[in-house]
C-alpha atoms as a PDB file:
ATOM      1  CA  UNK A   1     -20.568  -7.054  -1.793  1.00  0.00           C
ATOM      2  CA  UNK A   2     -17.179  -8.109  -3.544  1.00  0.00           C
ATOM      3  CA  UNK A   3     -15.408  -5.806  -5.603  1.00  0.00           C
ATOM      4  CA  UNK A   4     -12.593  -8.632  -6.814  1.00  0.00           C
ATOM      5  CA  UNK A   5     -13.268  -9.978 -10.041  1.00  0.00           C
ATOM      6  CA  UNK A   6     -11.092 -12.773  -9.456  1.00  0.00           C
ATOM      7  CA  UNK A   7     -12.127 -15.580  -6.792  1.00  0.00           C
ATOM      8  CA  UNK A   8     -11.021 -15.004  -2.679  1.00  0.00           C
ATOM      9  CA  UNK A   9      -8.272 -17.484  -1.606  1.00  0.00           C
ATOM     10  CA  UNK A  10      -8.878 -19.457   1.860  1.00  0.00           C
ATOM     11  CA  UNK A  11      -6.067 -21.666   3.382  1.00  0.00           C
ATOM     12  CA  UNK A  12      -7.286 -24.230   5.455  1.00  0.00           C
ATOM     13  CA  UNK A  13      -4.965 -25.661   8.060  1.00  0.00           C
ATOM     14  CA  UNK A  14      -5.941 -29.150   9.472  1.00  0.00           C
ATOM     15  CA  UNK A  15      -3.850 -32.484  10.381  1.00  0.00           C
ATOM     16  CA  UNK A  16      -6.912 -34.549   9.550  1.00  0.00           C
ATOM     17  CA  UNK A  17      -7.183 -35.354   6.161  1.00  0.00           C
ATOM     18  CA  UNK A  18     -11.040 -35.847   6.246  1.00  0.00           C
ATOM     19  CA  UNK A  19     -11.368 -31.998   7.355  1.00  0.00           C
ATOM     20  CA  UNK A  20      -9.841 -30.500   4.671  1.00  0.00           C
ATOM     21  CA  UNK A  21     -11.268 -32.347   2.300  1.00  0.00           C
ATOM     22  CA  UNK A  22     -14.809 -31.993   3.221  1.00  0.00           C
ATOM     23  CA  UNK A  23     -14.079 -28.171   3.843  1.00  0.00           C
ATOM     24  CA  UNK A  24     -12.705 -28.137   0.487  1.00  0.00           C
ATOM     25  CA  UNK A  25     -15.623 -29.824  -0.946  1.00  0.00           C
ATOM     26  CA  UNK A  26     -17.929 -27.130   0.821  1.00  0.00           C
ATOM     27  CA  UNK A  27     -15.860 -23.919  -0.256  1.00  0.00           C
ATOM     28  CA  UNK A  28     -14.337 -24.547  -3.671  1.00  0.00           C
ATOM     29  CA  UNK A  29     -17.319 -24.096  -5.748  1.00  0.00           C
ATOM     30  CA  UNK A  30     -16.781 -20.053  -4.449  1.00  0.00           C
ATOM     31  CA  UNK A  31     -13.570 -19.656  -3.356  1.00  0.00           C
ATOM     32  CA  UNK A  32      -9.789 -20.666  -4.471  1.00  0.00           C
ATOM     33  CA  UNK A  33      -9.325 -23.127  -1.692  1.00  0.00           C
ATOM     34  CA  UNK A  34      -5.511 -24.424  -0.449  1.00  0.00           C
ATOM     35  CA  UNK A  35      -5.065 -27.095   2.394  1.00  0.00           C
ATOM     36  CA  UNK A  36      -1.867 -28.086   4.496  1.00  0.00           C
ATOM     37  CA  UNK A  37      -1.697 -30.497   7.146  1.00  0.00           C
ATOM     38  CA  UNK A  38       1.451 -29.506   8.998  1.00  0.00           C
ATOM     39  CA  UNK A  39       1.199 -26.394  11.216  1.00  0.00           C
ATOM     40  CA  UNK A  40       5.048 -25.806  10.990  1.00  0.00           C
ATOM     41  CA  UNK A  41       4.729 -24.564   7.434  1.00  0.00           C
ATOM     42  CA  UNK A  42       1.386 -22.307   8.016  1.00  0.00           C
ATOM     43  CA  UNK A  43       3.923 -19.106   8.155  1.00  0.00           C
ATOM     44  CA  UNK A  44       5.878 -19.650   5.293  1.00  0.00           C
ATOM     45  CA  UNK A  45       2.746 -20.723   3.357  1.00  0.00           C
ATOM     46  CA  UNK A  46       1.113 -17.412   4.470  1.00  0.00           C
ATOM     47  CA  UNK A  47       3.310 -15.100   3.624  1.00  0.00           C
ATOM     48  CA  UNK A  48       4.434 -16.340   0.168  1.00  0.00           C
ATOM     49  CA  UNK A  49       0.349 -16.883  -0.672  1.00  0.00           C
ATOM     50  CA  UNK A  50      -1.412 -14.410   1.460  1.00  0.00           C
ATOM     51  CA  UNK A  51      -4.845 -16.365   1.609  1.00  0.00           C
ATOM     52  CA  UNK A  52      -7.715 -13.699   2.525  1.00  0.00           C
ATOM     53  CA  UNK A  53      -8.986 -16.179   4.827  1.00  0.00           C
ATOM     54  CA  UNK A  54      -7.590 -18.714   7.026  1.00  0.00           C
ATOM     55  CA  UNK A  55      -9.259 -21.850   8.644  1.00  0.00           C
ATOM     56  CA  UNK A  56      -7.169 -22.716  11.099  1.00  0.00           C
ATOM     57  CA  UNK A  57      -7.610 -26.200  13.328  1.00  0.00           C
ATOM     58  CA  UNK A  58      -6.829 -25.840  17.728  1.00  0.00           C
ATOM     59  CA  UNK A  59      -5.493 -29.313  17.920  1.00  0.00           C
ATOM     60  CA  UNK A  60      -2.905 -29.844  16.185  1.00  0.00           C
ATOM     61  CA  UNK A  61       0.361 -31.698  16.717  1.00  0.00           C
ATOM     62  CA  UNK A  62       3.959 -29.380  16.291  1.00  0.00           C
ATOM     63  CA  UNK A  63       2.213 -26.308  16.917  1.00  0.00           C
ATOM     64  CA  UNK A  64      -1.286 -25.943  17.864  1.00  0.00           C
ATOM     65  CA  UNK A  65      -3.844 -23.323  16.537  1.00  0.00           C
ATOM     66  CA  UNK A  66      -3.223 -20.911  19.369  1.00  0.00           C
ATOM     67  CA  UNK A  67       0.555 -20.945  19.001  1.00  0.00           C
ATOM     68  CA  UNK A  68       0.336 -20.234  15.136  1.00  0.00           C
ATOM     69  CA  UNK A  69      -2.186 -17.470  15.190  1.00  0.00           C
ATOM     70  CA  UNK A  70       0.352 -15.854  17.993  1.00  0.00           C
ATOM     71  CA  UNK A  71       2.752 -15.826  14.792  1.00  0.00           C
ATOM     72  CA  UNK A  72       0.544 -14.666  12.786  1.00  0.00           C
ATOM     73  CA  UNK A  73      -0.889 -11.474  14.963  1.00  0.00           C
ATOM     74  CA  UNK A  74       2.982 -10.743  15.415  1.00  0.00           C
ATOM     75  CA  UNK A  75       3.754 -10.510  12.053  1.00  0.00           C
ATOM     76  CA  UNK A  76       2.777  -6.922   9.934  1.00  0.00           C
ATOM     77  CA  UNK A  77       2.555  -9.053   6.661  1.00  0.00           C
ATOM     78  CA  UNK A  78      -0.140 -11.639   8.022  1.00  0.00           C
ATOM     79  CA  UNK A  79      -1.577  -9.975  11.109  1.00  0.00           C
ATOM     80  CA  UNK A  80      -4.501  -8.539   9.205  1.00  0.00           C
ATOM     81  CA  UNK A  81      -5.641 -11.434   7.663  1.00  0.00           C
ATOM     82  CA  UNK A  82      -9.085 -12.896   9.293  1.00  0.00           C
ATOM     83  CA  UNK A  83      -8.065 -16.085  10.684  1.00  0.00           C
ATOM     84  CA  UNK A  84     -11.516 -18.794  12.124  1.00  0.00           C
ATOM     85  CA  UNK A  85     -11.147 -21.261  13.956  1.00  0.00           C
ATOM     86  CA  UNK A  86     -11.814 -25.273  13.474  1.00  0.00           C
ATOM     87  CA  UNK A  87     -12.407 -26.801  16.361  1.00  0.00           C
ATOM     88  CA  UNK A  88     -14.266 -29.600  18.011  1.00  0.00           C
ATOM     89  CA  UNK A  89     -13.717 -28.267  21.313  1.00  0.00           C
ATOM     90  CA  UNK A  90     -16.833 -27.559  23.678  1.00  0.00           C
ATOM     91  CA  UNK A  91     -15.422 -24.842  25.725  1.00  0.00           C
ATOM     92  CA  UNK A  92     -16.200 -21.105  26.749  1.00  0.00           C
ATOM     93  CA  UNK A  93     -12.452 -20.916  28.044  1.00  0.00           C
ATOM     94  CA  UNK A  94     -11.079 -22.556  25.062  1.00  0.00           C
ATOM     95  CA  UNK A  95     -13.081 -20.044  22.885  1.00  0.00           C
ATOM     96  CA  UNK A  96     -12.590 -17.467  25.131  1.00  0.00           C
ATOM     97  CA  UNK A  97      -9.001 -17.291  24.780  1.00  0.00           C
ATOM     98  CA  UNK A  98      -9.292 -17.824  21.074  1.00  0.00           C
ATOM     99  CA  UNK A  99     -11.045 -14.482  20.547  1.00  0.00           C
ATOM    100  CA  UNK A 100      -8.493 -13.143  22.739  1.00  0.00           C
ATOM    101  CA  UNK A 101      -5.297 -13.694  20.332  1.00  0.00           C
ATOM    102  CA  UNK A 102      -7.458 -12.425  17.342  1.00  0.00           C
ATOM    103  CA  UNK A 103      -9.545 -14.890  15.814  1.00  0.00           C
ATOM    104  CA  UNK A 104     -11.904 -13.582  14.122  1.00  0.00           C
ATOM    105  CA  UNK A 105     -14.562 -16.477  14.402  1.00  0.00           C
ATOM    106  CA  UNK A 106     -15.093 -20.315  15.273  1.00  0.00           C
ATOM    107  CA  UNK A 107     -16.212 -23.138  12.945  1.00  0.00           C
ATOM    108  CA  UNK A 108     -17.602 -26.001  15.162  1.00  0.00           C
ATOM    109  CA  UNK A 109     -17.111 -29.690  14.052  1.00  0.00           C
ATOM    110  CA  UNK A 110     -18.781 -31.593  12.561  1.00  0.00           C
ATOM    111  CA  UNK A 111     -19.227 -29.306   9.713  1.00  0.00           C
ATOM    112  CA  UNK A 112     -22.458 -27.964   8.331  1.00  0.00           C
ATOM    113  CA  UNK A 113     -22.243 -26.624   4.849  1.00  0.00           C
ATOM    114  CA  UNK A 114     -24.276 -23.964   5.092  1.00  0.00           C
ATOM    115  CA  UNK A 115     -22.558 -22.448   8.450  1.00  0.00           C
ATOM    116  CA  UNK A 116     -19.533 -23.099   6.874  1.00  0.00           C
ATOM    117  CA  UNK A 117     -20.178 -21.215   3.738  1.00  0.00           C
ATOM    118  CA  UNK A 118     -21.790 -18.096   5.761  1.00  0.00           C
ATOM    119  CA  UNK A 119     -18.926 -17.611   8.204  1.00  0.00           C
ATOM    120  CA  UNK A 120     -16.497 -17.374   5.944  1.00  0.00           C
ATOM    121  CA  UNK A 121     -18.484 -15.082   3.423  1.00  0.00           C
ATOM    122  CA  UNK A 122     -18.956 -12.729   6.745  1.00  0.00           C
ATOM    123  CA  UNK A 123     -14.772 -12.410   7.276  1.00  0.00           C
ATOM    124  CA  UNK A 124     -14.521 -11.946   3.358  1.00  0.00           C
ATOM    125  CA  UNK A 125     -17.420  -9.039   3.540  1.00  0.00           C
ATOM    126  CA  UNK A 126     -15.684  -7.736   6.621  1.00  0.00           C
ATOM    127  CA  UNK A 127     -12.439  -7.510   5.063  1.00  0.00           C
ATOM    128  CA  UNK A 128     -13.748  -5.800   1.750  1.00  0.00           C
ATOM    129  CA  UNK A 129     -14.867  -3.364   3.956  1.00  0.00           C
ATOM    130  CA  UNK A 130     -12.207  -2.741   5.386  1.00  0.00           C
ATOM    131  CA  UNK A 131      -9.789  -2.958   2.276  1.00  0.00           C
ATOM    132  CA  UNK A 132     -12.180  -0.060   1.099  1.00  0.00           C
ATOM    133  CA  UNK A 133     -10.987   1.845   4.113  1.00  0.00           C
ATOM    134  CA  UNK A 134      -7.886   1.637   4.340  1.00  0.00           C
ATOM    135  CA  UNK A 135      -7.903   2.117   0.189  1.00  0.00           C
ATOM    136  CA  UNK A 136      -9.581   5.558   1.077  1.00  0.00           C
ATOM    137  CA  UNK A 137      -7.068   6.357   3.959  1.00  0.00           C
ATOM    138  CA  UNK A 138      -4.137   5.589   1.817  1.00  0.00           C
ATOM    139  CA  UNK A 139      -5.146   8.096  -1.215  1.00  0.00           C
ATOM    140  CA  UNK A 140      -5.965  12.161  -1.997  1.00  0.00           C
ATOM    141  CA  UNK A 141      -9.331  12.180  -2.885  1.00  0.00           C
ATOM    142  CA  UNK A 142      -8.810  15.080  -5.398  1.00  0.00           C
ATOM    143  CA  UNK A 143      -5.980  13.821  -7.641  1.00  0.00           C
ATOM    144  CA  UNK A 144      -6.245  10.056  -6.616  1.00  0.00           C
ATOM    145  CA  UNK A 145      -2.690   9.728  -5.798  1.00  0.00           C
ATOM    146  CA  UNK A 146      -1.601   7.992  -2.956  1.00  0.00           C
ATOM    147  CA  UNK A 147      -1.482  10.207   0.196  1.00  0.00           C
ATOM    148  CA  UNK A 148       1.042  11.298   2.716  1.00  0.00           C
ATOM    149  CA  UNK A 149       0.779   7.993   4.872  1.00  0.00           C
ATOM    150  CA  UNK A 150       0.840   6.202   2.053  1.00  0.00           C
ATOM    151  CA  UNK A 151       4.332   7.354   0.932  1.00  0.00           C
ATOM    152  CA  UNK A 152       5.910   6.800   4.408  1.00  0.00           C
ATOM    153  CA  UNK A 153       5.565   2.992   4.120  1.00  0.00           C
ATOM    154  CA  UNK A 154       6.482   3.283   0.591  1.00  0.00           C
ATOM    155  CA  UNK A 155       9.662   5.541   1.634  1.00  0.00           C
ATOM    156  CA  UNK A 156      10.778   2.112   3.590  1.00  0.00           C
ATOM    157  CA  UNK A 157      10.406  -0.158   1.367  1.00  0.00           C
ATOM    158  CA  UNK A 158      12.465   1.450  -1.370  1.00  0.00           C
ATOM    159  CA  UNK A 159      15.346   2.788   0.797  1.00  0.00           C
ATOM    160  CA  UNK A 160      15.489  -0.905   2.723  1.00  0.00           C
ATOM    161  CA  UNK A 161      15.500  -2.179  -1.204  1.00  0.00           C
ATOM    162  CA  UNK A 162      18.234   0.234  -1.834  1.00  0.00           C
ATOM    163  CA  UNK A 163      20.802  -0.660   0.182  1.00  0.00           C
ATOM    164  CA  UNK A 164      20.225  -4.178   0.188  1.00  0.00           C
ATOM    165  CA  UNK A 165      20.449  -4.174  -3.558  1.00  0.00           C
ATOM    166  CA  UNK A 166      22.457  -0.988  -3.427  1.00  0.00           C
ATOM    167  CA  UNK A 167      20.747   0.984  -6.531  1.00  0.00           C
ATOM    168  CA  UNK A 168      20.498   4.616  -6.103  1.00  0.00           C
ATOM    169  CA  UNK A 169      17.426   6.468  -4.902  1.00  0.00           C
ATOM    170  CA  UNK A 170      16.078   9.823  -6.051  1.00  0.00           C
ATOM    171  CA  UNK A 171      13.189  11.738  -4.624  1.00  0.00           C
ATOM    172  CA  UNK A 172      11.710  14.930  -6.544  1.00  0.00           C
ATOM    173  CA  UNK A 173       9.469  17.314  -4.318  1.00  0.00           C
ATOM    174  CA  UNK A 174       7.675  19.419  -6.407  1.00  0.00           C
ATOM    175  CA  UNK A 175       5.777  22.693  -5.591  1.00  0.00           C
ATOM    176  CA  UNK A 176       3.228  24.627  -7.551  1.00  0.00           C
ATOM    177  CA  UNK A 177       4.769  28.129  -7.949  1.00  0.00           C
ATOM    178  CA  UNK A 178       2.640  31.041  -6.812  1.00  0.00           C
ATOM    179  CA  UNK A 179      -0.212  28.779  -5.827  1.00  0.00           C
ATOM    180  CA  UNK A 180      -2.188  30.842  -3.158  1.00  0.00           C
ATOM    181  CA  UNK A 181      -1.934  33.840  -5.863  1.00  0.00           C
ATOM    182  CA  UNK A 182      -3.686  31.526  -8.442  1.00  0.00           C
ATOM    183  CA  UNK A 183      -6.397  30.652  -5.928  1.00  0.00           C
ATOM    184  CA  UNK A 184      -7.269  33.427  -4.905  1.00  0.00           C
ATOM    185  CA  UNK A 185      -7.720  34.752  -8.565  1.00  0.00           C
ATOM    186  CA  UNK A 186      -9.397  32.669 -10.159  1.00  0.00           C
ATOM    187  CA  UNK A 187     -11.285  30.616  -7.202  1.00  0.00           C
ATOM    188  CA  UNK A 188     -10.236  26.992  -5.131  1.00  0.00           C
ATOM    189  CA  UNK A 189     -12.621  25.155  -8.092  1.00  0.00           C
ATOM    190  CA  UNK A 190     -10.200  26.594 -10.480  1.00  0.00           C
ATOM    191  CA  UNK A 191      -7.151  25.722  -8.417  1.00  0.00           C
ATOM    192  CA  UNK A 192      -8.302  22.424  -7.732  1.00  0.00           C
ATOM    193  CA  UNK A 193      -8.690  22.063 -11.945  1.00  0.00           C
ATOM    194  CA  UNK A 194      -4.610  23.350 -11.818  1.00  0.00           C
ATOM    195  CA  UNK A 195      -3.282  19.985  -9.319  1.00  0.00           C
ATOM    196  CA  UNK A 196      -5.331  17.879 -11.512  1.00  0.00           C
ATOM    197  CA  UNK A 197      -3.661  19.122 -14.666  1.00  0.00           C
ATOM    198  CA  UNK A 198       0.285  18.800 -12.590  1.00  0.00           C
ATOM    199  CA  UNK A 199      -0.949  14.977 -11.598  1.00  0.00           C
ATOM    200  CA  UNK A 200      -2.570  13.871 -15.260  1.00  0.00           C
ATOM    201  CA  UNK A 201       1.367  14.996 -16.955  1.00  0.00           C
ATOM    202  CA  UNK A 202       3.263  13.007 -13.988  1.00  0.00           C
ATOM    203  CA  UNK A 203       1.061   9.866 -15.680  1.00  0.00           C
ATOM    204  CA  UNK A 204       2.479  10.910 -18.946  1.00  0.00           C
ATOM    205  CA  UNK A 205       6.410  11.536 -17.433  1.00  0.00           C
ATOM    206  CA  UNK A 206       6.242   8.207 -15.389  1.00  0.00           C
ATOM    207  CA  UNK A 207       6.929   5.591 -17.110  1.00  0.00           C
ATOM    208  CA  UNK A 208       7.996   2.700 -14.989  1.00  0.00           C
ATOM    209  CA  UNK A 209       5.819   0.662 -12.576  1.00  0.00           C
ATOM    210  CA  UNK A 210       7.946   1.354  -9.243  1.00  0.00           C
ATOM    211  CA  UNK A 211       7.737   4.736 -10.118  1.00  0.00           C
ATOM    212  CA  UNK A 212       5.403   6.229  -7.212  1.00  0.00           C
ATOM    213  CA  UNK A 213       4.069   9.860  -6.824  1.00  0.00           C
ATOM    214  CA  UNK A 214       2.410  11.244  -3.985  1.00  0.00           C
ATOM    215  CA  UNK A 215       0.352  13.896  -2.909  1.00  0.00           C
ATOM    216  CA  UNK A 216       2.376  15.450   0.166  1.00  0.00           C
ATOM    217  CA  UNK A 217      -0.190  18.304   1.208  1.00  0.00           C
ATOM    218  CA  UNK A 218      -1.842  21.096  -0.704  1.00  0.00           C
ATOM    219  CA  UNK A 219       0.481  22.489  -3.648  1.00  0.00           C
ATOM    220  CA  UNK A 220       3.425  19.488  -2.802  1.00  0.00           C
ATOM    221  CA  UNK A 221       4.006  16.527  -4.234  1.00  0.00           C
ATOM    222  CA  UNK A 222       6.431  13.929  -4.126  1.00  0.00           C
ATOM    223  CA  UNK A 223       7.836  11.630  -6.697  1.00  0.00           C
ATOM    224  CA  UNK A 224       9.880   8.433  -5.500  1.00  0.00           C
ATOM    225  CA  UNK A 225      12.421   6.947  -8.424  1.00  0.00           C
ATOM    226  CA  UNK A 226      13.299   3.707  -7.487  1.00  0.00           C
ATOM    227  CA  UNK A 227      16.701   2.950  -8.977  1.00  0.00           C
ATOM    228  CA  UNK A 228      17.598   6.120 -10.829  1.00  0.00           C
ATOM    229  CA  UNK A 229      20.678   7.706 -10.755  1.00  0.00           C
ATOM    230  CA  UNK A 230      21.341  12.188 -10.318  1.00  0.00           C
ATOM    231  CA  UNK A 231      20.842  12.108 -14.082  1.00  0.00           C
ATOM    232  CA  UNK A 232      18.311   9.891 -14.457  1.00  0.00           C
ATOM    233  CA  UNK A 233      16.317  12.057 -12.018  1.00  0.00           C
ATOM    234  CA  UNK A 234      17.189  15.264 -13.135  1.00  0.00           C
ATOM    235  CA  UNK A 235      15.600  14.334 -16.759  1.00  0.00           C
ATOM    236  CA  UNK A 236      12.004  13.191 -15.470  1.00  0.00           C
ATOM    237  CA  UNK A 237      12.256  16.464 -13.200  1.00  0.00           C
ATOM    238  CA  UNK A 238      12.697  18.364 -16.380  1.00  0.00           C
ATOM    239  CA  UNK A 239      10.275  16.450 -18.635  1.00  0.00           C
ATOM    240  CA  UNK A 240       7.724  17.288 -15.536  1.00  0.00           C
ATOM    241  CA  UNK A 241       8.647  20.754 -15.535  1.00  0.00           C
ATOM    242  CA  UNK A 242       8.461  21.317 -18.712  1.00  0.00           C
ATOM    243  CA  UNK A 243       5.094  19.249 -19.491  1.00  0.00           C
ATOM    244  CA  UNK A 244       3.188  21.171 -16.650  1.00  0.00           C
ATOM    245  CA  UNK A 245       4.797  24.567 -17.740  1.00  0.00           C
ATOM    246  CA  UNK A 246       3.150  23.963 -21.504  1.00  0.00           C
ATOM    247  CA  UNK A 247      -0.106  22.636 -20.397  1.00  0.00           C
ATOM    248  CA  UNK A 248      -3.225  24.553 -20.824  1.00  0.00           C
ATOM    249  CA  UNK A 249      -5.570  24.270 -17.769  1.00  0.00           C
ATOM    250  CA  UNK A 250      -9.259  24.733 -18.896  1.00  0.00           C
ATOM    251  CA  UNK A 251     -11.950  26.747 -17.036  1.00  0.00           C
ATOM    252  CA  UNK A 252     -13.582  30.022 -17.413  1.00  0.00           C
ATOM    253  CA  UNK A 253     -10.530  31.342 -18.871  1.00  0.00           C
ATOM    254  CA  UNK A 254      -7.423  29.183 -19.857  1.00  0.00           C
ATOM    255  CA  UNK A 255      -4.600  29.495 -17.402  1.00  0.00           C
ATOM    256  CA  UNK A 256      -1.701  28.283 -17.038  1.00  0.00           C
ATOM    257  CA  UNK A 257       0.606  27.212 -14.107  1.00  0.00           C
ATOM    258  CA  UNK A 258       4.739  26.076 -12.886  1.00  0.00           C
ATOM    259  CA  UNK A 259       6.399  23.950 -11.127  1.00  0.00           C
ATOM    260  CA  UNK A 260       9.738  24.019  -8.974  1.00  0.00           C
ATOM    261  CA  UNK A 261      11.112  20.879  -8.174  1.00  0.00           C
ATOM    262  CA  UNK A 262      14.300  19.896  -5.677  1.00  0.00           C
ATOM    263  CA  UNK A 263      15.781  16.703  -6.619  1.00  0.00           C
ATOM    264  CA  UNK A 264      18.090  14.528  -4.081  1.00  0.00           C
ATOM    265  CA  UNK A 265      19.443  11.474  -4.709  1.00  0.00           C
ATOM    266  CA  UNK A 266      21.262   8.582  -2.453  1.00  0.00           C
ATOM    267  CA  UNK A 267      24.109   6.246  -3.587  1.00  0.00           C
ATOM    268  CA  UNK A 268      24.822   3.046  -1.806  1.00  0.00           C
ATOM    269  CA  UNK A 269      27.783   3.782   0.357  1.00  0.00           C
ATOM    270  CA  UNK A 270      26.686   7.755   1.180  1.00  0.00           C
ATOM    271  CA  UNK A 271      26.477   8.559   4.905  1.00  0.00           C
ATOM    272  CA  UNK A 272      22.701   9.524   4.912  1.00  0.00           C
ATOM    273  CA  UNK A 273      19.992   8.700   6.170  1.00  0.00           C
ATOM    274  CA  UNK A 274      16.373   8.140   5.019  1.00  0.00           C
ATOM    275  CA  UNK A 275      14.825  11.757   6.291  1.00  0.00           C
ATOM    276  CA  UNK A 276      17.864  13.355   5.636  1.00  0.00           C
ATOM    277  CA  UNK A 277      16.726  12.221   1.615  1.00  0.00           C
ATOM    278  CA  UNK A 278      13.837  13.949   2.457  1.00  0.00           C
ATOM    279  CA  UNK A 279      15.405  16.958   3.433  1.00  0.00           C
ATOM    280  CA  UNK A 280      17.836  17.439   1.080  1.00  0.00           C
ATOM    281  CA  UNK A 281      15.473  17.336  -1.210  1.00  0.00           C
ATOM    282  CA  UNK A 282      13.613  20.352   0.254  1.00  0.00           C
ATOM    283  CA  UNK A 283      16.401  21.990   0.335  1.00  0.00           C
ATOM    284  CA  UNK A 284      17.237  21.755  -3.473  1.00  0.00           C
ATOM    285  CA  UNK A 285      13.333  22.925  -4.039  1.00  0.00           C
ATOM    286  CA  UNK A 286      13.613  25.887  -1.661  1.00  0.00           C
ATOM    287  CA  UNK A 287      16.902  26.554  -4.405  1.00  0.00           C
ATOM    288  CA  UNK A 288      14.671  25.945  -6.771  1.00  0.00           C
ATOM    289  CA  UNK A 289      11.683  28.853  -5.512  1.00  0.00           C
ATOM    290  CA  UNK A 290      14.726  31.077  -4.272  1.00  0.00           C
ATOM    291  CA  UNK A 291      16.580  31.245  -7.914  1.00  0.00           C
ATOM    292  CA  UNK A 292      13.117  32.345  -9.201  1.00  0.00           C
ATOM    293  CA  UNK A 293      10.846  29.407  -9.304  1.00  0.00           C
ATOM    294  CA  UNK A 294       9.832  27.070 -12.676  1.00  0.00           C
ATOM    295  CA  UNK A 295      12.829  25.159 -12.523  1.00  0.00           C
ATOM    296  CA  UNK A 296      14.252  22.179 -10.845  1.00  0.00           C
ATOM    297  CA  UNK A 297      17.643  22.351  -8.474  1.00  0.00           C
ATOM    298  CA  UNK A 298      19.276  19.206  -7.478  1.00  0.00           C
ATOM    299  CA  UNK A 299      20.592  18.803  -4.029  1.00  0.00           C
ATOM    300  CA  UNK A 300      24.397  18.745  -3.789  1.00  0.00           C
ATOM    301  CA  UNK A 301      26.390  17.509  -0.591  1.00  0.00           C
END
């Protein structure tokens, strides 16, 4: 059921010390458990620790569980974390209100250990399924690379970071040359092998953890290079171009393929938008293809 090799984490939020101790004793053998008593500390703690499941008491001083869950569900960072309400209330309307606000389940007081374990375990199981679906939806099945949907969120993050830290941000837009003709000549299975071969060269050239390669679609790929100036991006692009050109693609017969690459770099102070960053890389790619393919071109303002 569970894919993680480390323990899942559970955050318990309850102002009653006896409840914290009891729930911790029940869950600690199976999970990494942390606990806080002040509801005002919940948001900061959750954003810092990112627990897998939250057990949240409804009736607390300062801010009740309903107000806490509203804040959790408003945040993109925390909205998907399942929240199980802890309650001593025997009130259908109170339960309905919690479910409307996004509660995943309820645990009633007094606690019964088997029920507590089952309710938490059920949320972990559903969380695992959700994460698996999300991972598959964000990756290309052929190459294993992140896909276009994944790219958009990553580029937005790197764009914001580059502006905040005043560091350059480069894009490489890569197109496999004459790929339709290659497919028509050697077949789609060989075409797939060619794309996998190209991606294998990414792994050999991209050394930094922050470098991010994406299958944009078809025979197009994008690489995000954080904190990389034009010279650095051009060097990476040339390494990729040369590596692909020299590769032999196995199949019924040994074949070769080449790529064209467009490069664009944003530097601090440059008046440009995130959309223009990609558009200008595309312009450079068009120039590389127009000039004969199997070459790199850099966008010049």
